[in-house]
Structure formats: C-alpha cells, structure tokens
C-alpha cells in the first residue's frame, strides 16, 4: 500500500486526536532523497524482509548507537518488525512522524533507516535518528547519510531546530535535558 494512500481515513483522523502532526497540512512531505550512494524513501510494511535482515545483522551496533542503554532491537522478531513497520507507515500517513528506509540505488538491500520524531525537549522541534547496517559501518556510508540527510532536513523541511541525539548532542546530555512537552 502506498504511503500516500488514504486508506482508513476515519481511523487516521481519530488517531490525530492523540498524535499531533509535526508538519502543517499544507507542507508537502518529501518523497525522499537520492545521492550517488543511497536512496531514502518512505519505509513501508512491504520492506519488512529486507529491513529485518538489516536490523538483525546489525543488532550489536544498533544497541550501542541507537540510544545506548535501550533495548531495541534486542530479541526483535520478524513479526514484531512487521508490526513496527506498519506503525511507521501509519504515522507517516498521519504526519506524526516520518520513517525513511535507506536503500541502495537498485533497492536490492536496506542499508539503514532515518526517523523524524516529535520531540519533547523544549529547545528542539523534532528528534532525528539514523543508522546504517553493520556491513556498511566501515565504508563511510554513515557519515555520508548524516551529511546528506542533515542538509536535506535543513533545505527542504520546515524545522527550525532539529535535534540529532548521538551525533550533535551526546546521549548522556540528551537524556539529561528536561522533557517540557507533555507525552501522551
């Protein structure tokens, strides 16, 4: 199902009562980004097999990099991954967060992901996390993704102060910042 389809419009409208969009209704959400090394496009449930391969083959790296001390993706099952991808796709449709898969140019492999989440920290409007699979860690792809994606965010998205925890602010400092926006 394409990300921009309006399947379950009443369900999506009801969910927006609890999860506020992070961009205005008139903002045209970018379909993605392409560089000489990668393509970013909306993550959909149809990516589950390739995404699970990327995540499960990179578990140790993700546990270190993606909010150290957290538990994702420890013990992630394929079924749970499908559920998570379905939820990411729904949130994209609701405009409450945006998950992009990072794929090689012929889309035969998932290389990582980029997530744009709402942020509860007072001085930031969104939280942006990204990762590349373990097999790409030494190729310079992580730096390429970060450089390309942060420029894309600055140039195309309406955010005034995006946060890049684990990159522009270390995780310990990030966790010490007070949550000033309410969580549901």
Protein backbone atom coordinates (compact mmCIF):
# COMPACT_ATOMS: atom_id res chain seq x y z
CA UNK A 1 0.00 0.00 0.00
CA UNK A 2 1.50 3.36 -0.96
CA UNK A 3 2.30 5.70 1.89
CA UNK A 4 0.18 8.49 0.49
CA UNK A 5 -2.99 6.40 0.17
CA UNK A 6 -5.91 7.48 2.33
CA UNK A 7 -6.90 4.01 3.50
CA UNK A 8 -8.73 4.17 6.80
CA UNK A 9 -9.26 7.93 6.69
CA UNK A 10 -11.61 7.92 9.69
CA UNK A 11 -9.13 5.85 11.69
CA UNK A 12 -6.30 8.23 10.80
CA UNK A 13 -8.44 11.24 11.73
CA UNK A 14 -9.26 9.68 15.10
CA UNK A 15 -5.59 8.89 15.75
CA UNK A 16 -4.63 12.51 15.02
CA UNK A 17 -6.60 13.49 18.12
CA UNK A 18 -3.94 11.70 20.16
CA UNK A 19 -0.89 12.17 17.95
CA UNK A 20 -0.49 15.66 16.56
CA UNK A 21 1.12 16.11 13.13
CA UNK A 22 4.64 17.54 13.26
CA UNK A 23 4.21 19.43 9.98
CA UNK A 24 1.39 21.68 8.81
CA UNK A 25 -1.30 20.32 6.50
CA UNK A 26 -0.07 22.44 3.58
CA UNK A 27 3.52 21.13 3.82
CA UNK A 28 4.31 18.70 1.01
CA UNK A 29 6.17 15.86 2.68
CA UNK A 30 9.26 14.94 0.65
CA UNK A 31 9.08 11.54 -1.02
CA UNK A 32 12.76 11.03 -0.35
CA UNK A 33 16.32 11.84 -1.22
CA UNK A 34 18.77 10.25 -3.62
CA UNK A 35 22.55 10.61 -3.65
CA UNK A 36 25.26 8.80 -5.57
CA UNK A 37 25.35 6.13 -2.81
CA UNK A 38 21.85 5.74 -1.43
CA UNK A 39 18.16 6.41 -1.71
CA UNK A 40 15.86 7.48 1.12
CA UNK A 41 12.19 6.72 0.67
CA UNK A 42 9.24 6.16 2.97
CA UNK A 43 9.51 2.98 4.99
CA UNK A 44 6.53 0.69 4.34
CA UNK A 45 5.42 -2.69 5.61
CA UNK A 46 6.49 -4.19 2.27
CA UNK A 47 10.10 -3.54 3.31
CA UNK A 48 9.82 -5.98 6.23
CA UNK A 49 12.05 -8.78 4.89
CA UNK A 50 14.94 -6.54 3.83
CA UNK A 51 14.54 -4.29 6.86
CA UNK A 52 14.61 -7.25 9.26
CA UNK A 53 17.78 -8.50 7.61
CA UNK A 54 19.44 -5.09 8.07
CA UNK A 55 18.31 -4.77 11.68
CA UNK A 56 19.07 -8.32 12.79
CA UNK A 57 22.50 -8.33 11.16
CA UNK A 58 23.31 -5.06 12.95
CA UNK A 59 21.89 -5.71 16.42
CA UNK A 60 25.12 -5.12 18.37
CA UNK A 61 25.83 -1.88 16.52
CA UNK A 62 22.27 -0.62 16.97
CA UNK A 63 22.30 -1.36 20.69
CA UNK A 64 25.45 0.79 21.00
CA UNK A 65 24.40 3.64 18.72
CA UNK A 66 20.63 3.98 18.90
CA UNK A 67 20.07 5.32 22.42
CA UNK A 68 22.62 3.27 24.36
CA UNK A 69 21.06 1.52 27.30
CA UNK A 70 17.86 0.94 25.35
CA UNK A 71 16.66 -2.49 24.33
CA UNK A 72 15.82 -2.04 20.64
CA UNK A 73 16.35 -4.25 18.61
CA UNK A 74 17.22 -6.94 21.17
CA UNK A 75 15.08 -10.05 20.65
CA UNK A 76 13.16 -8.41 17.80
CA UNK A 77 11.14 -11.00 15.89
CA UNK A 78 10.16 -10.79 12.25
CA UNK A 79 6.50 -10.50 13.27
CA UNK A 80 7.27 -7.62 15.65
CA UNK A 81 9.30 -5.93 12.91
CA UNK A 82 6.29 -6.14 10.58
CA UNK A 83 4.10 -4.54 13.24
CA UNK A 84 6.64 -1.74 13.77
CA UNK A 85 6.91 -1.07 10.03
CA UNK A 86 3.11 -0.95 9.76
CA UNK A 87 3.01 1.56 12.58
CA UNK A 88 5.77 3.66 10.98
CA UNK A 89 3.75 3.67 7.75
CA UNK A 90 0.60 4.75 9.62
CA UNK A 91 2.44 7.54 11.44
CA UNK A 92 3.81 8.73 8.09
CA UNK A 93 0.25 8.92 6.74
CA UNK A 94 -0.86 10.79 9.86
CA UNK A 95 2.17 13.11 9.57
CA UNK A 96 3.04 12.48 13.24
CA UNK A 97 6.49 11.05 12.47
CA UNK A 98 8.38 10.08 9.36
CA UNK A 99 10.42 6.93 8.86
CA UNK A 100 12.54 6.58 5.74
CA UNK A 101 14.33 3.44 4.68
CA UNK A 102 17.87 3.82 3.38
CA UNK A 103 18.34 1.54 0.39
CA UNK A 104 20.98 1.02 -2.26
CA UNK A 105 20.16 2.58 -5.61
CA UNK A 106 18.73 -0.59 -7.15
CA UNK A 107 16.75 -1.23 -3.93
CA UNK A 108 18.07 -4.77 -3.53
CA UNK A 109 19.16 -4.11 0.06
CA UNK A 110 18.16 -1.99 3.02
CA UNK A 111 21.23 -0.11 4.25
CA UNK A 112 19.65 1.57 7.26
CA UNK A 113 16.88 3.94 8.34
CA UNK A 114 16.20 7.58 9.20
CA UNK A 115 13.49 8.60 11.65
CA UNK A 116 11.97 12.03 12.23
CA UNK A 117 10.10 12.02 15.53
CA UNK A 118 8.30 14.69 17.55
CA UNK A 119 10.46 15.99 20.37
CA UNK A 120 9.52 16.73 23.98
CA UNK A 121 12.69 18.72 24.66
CA UNK A 122 11.90 22.45 24.90
CA UNK A 123 14.56 23.80 22.56
CA UNK A 124 14.04 21.28 19.73
CA UNK A 125 11.11 20.77 17.38
CA UNK A 126 11.97 17.23 16.18
CA UNK A 127 14.34 14.41 17.04
CA UNK A 128 16.18 12.80 14.13
CA UNK A 129 17.86 9.42 14.38
CA UNK A 130 19.53 7.40 11.67
CA UNK A 131 21.67 4.33 11.27
CA UNK A 132 23.38 2.18 8.68
CA UNK A 133 23.79 -1.57 8.84
CA UNK A 134 26.88 -3.13 10.37
CA UNK A 135 28.26 -4.25 7.00
CA UNK A 136 28.38 -0.58 5.88
CA UNK A 137 29.92 0.82 9.07
CA UNK A 138 33.47 0.96 7.70
CA UNK A 139 32.51 2.19 4.21
CA UNK A 140 31.85 5.80 5.23
CA UNK A 141 28.13 5.40 4.48
CA UNK A 142 27.09 6.54 7.97
CA UNK A 143 28.89 9.87 7.55
CA UNK A 144 27.51 10.21 4.00
CA UNK A 145 23.97 9.55 5.26
CA UNK A 146 24.29 12.04 8.10
CA UNK A 147 25.80 14.78 5.91
CA UNK A 148 23.27 14.27 3.10
CA UNK A 149 20.26 13.89 5.37
CA UNK A 150 21.03 16.85 7.64
CA UNK A 151 21.44 19.10 4.58
CA UNK A 152 18.15 17.75 3.19
CA UNK A 153 16.40 18.41 6.51
CA UNK A 154 17.77 21.99 6.60
CA UNK A 155 16.88 22.73 2.96
CA UNK A 156 13.53 21.00 2.49
CA UNK A 157 11.83 20.51 5.84
CA UNK A 158 10.21 23.30 7.92
CA UNK A 159 12.02 22.51 11.17
CA UNK A 160 13.81 25.36 12.90
CA UNK A 161 15.86 23.37 15.42
CA UNK A 162 16.11 19.64 14.76
CA UNK A 163 17.95 17.52 17.32
CA UNK A 164 20.39 14.79 16.33
CA UNK A 165 20.97 12.88 19.60
CA UNK A 166 24.03 10.70 19.50
CA UNK A 167 25.52 12.91 16.79
CA UNK A 168 25.28 16.63 17.57
CA UNK A 169 24.50 16.05 21.23
CA UNK A 170 25.74 13.02 23.16
CA UNK A 171 23.21 10.61 24.62
CA UNK A 172 24.01 11.41 28.27
CA UNK A 173 23.44 15.12 27.72
CA UNK A 174 20.31 14.39 25.66
CA UNK A 175 18.80 12.26 28.42
CA UNK A 176 19.60 14.97 30.99
CA UNK A 177 17.57 17.61 29.14
CA UNK A 178 14.22 18.16 30.74
CA UNK A 179 11.13 16.94 28.92
CA UNK A 180 8.93 20.01 28.86
CA UNK A 181 6.34 19.00 26.32
CA UNK A 182 3.79 16.52 27.59
CA UNK A 183 3.79 12.95 26.42
CA UNK A 184 0.52 11.15 25.82
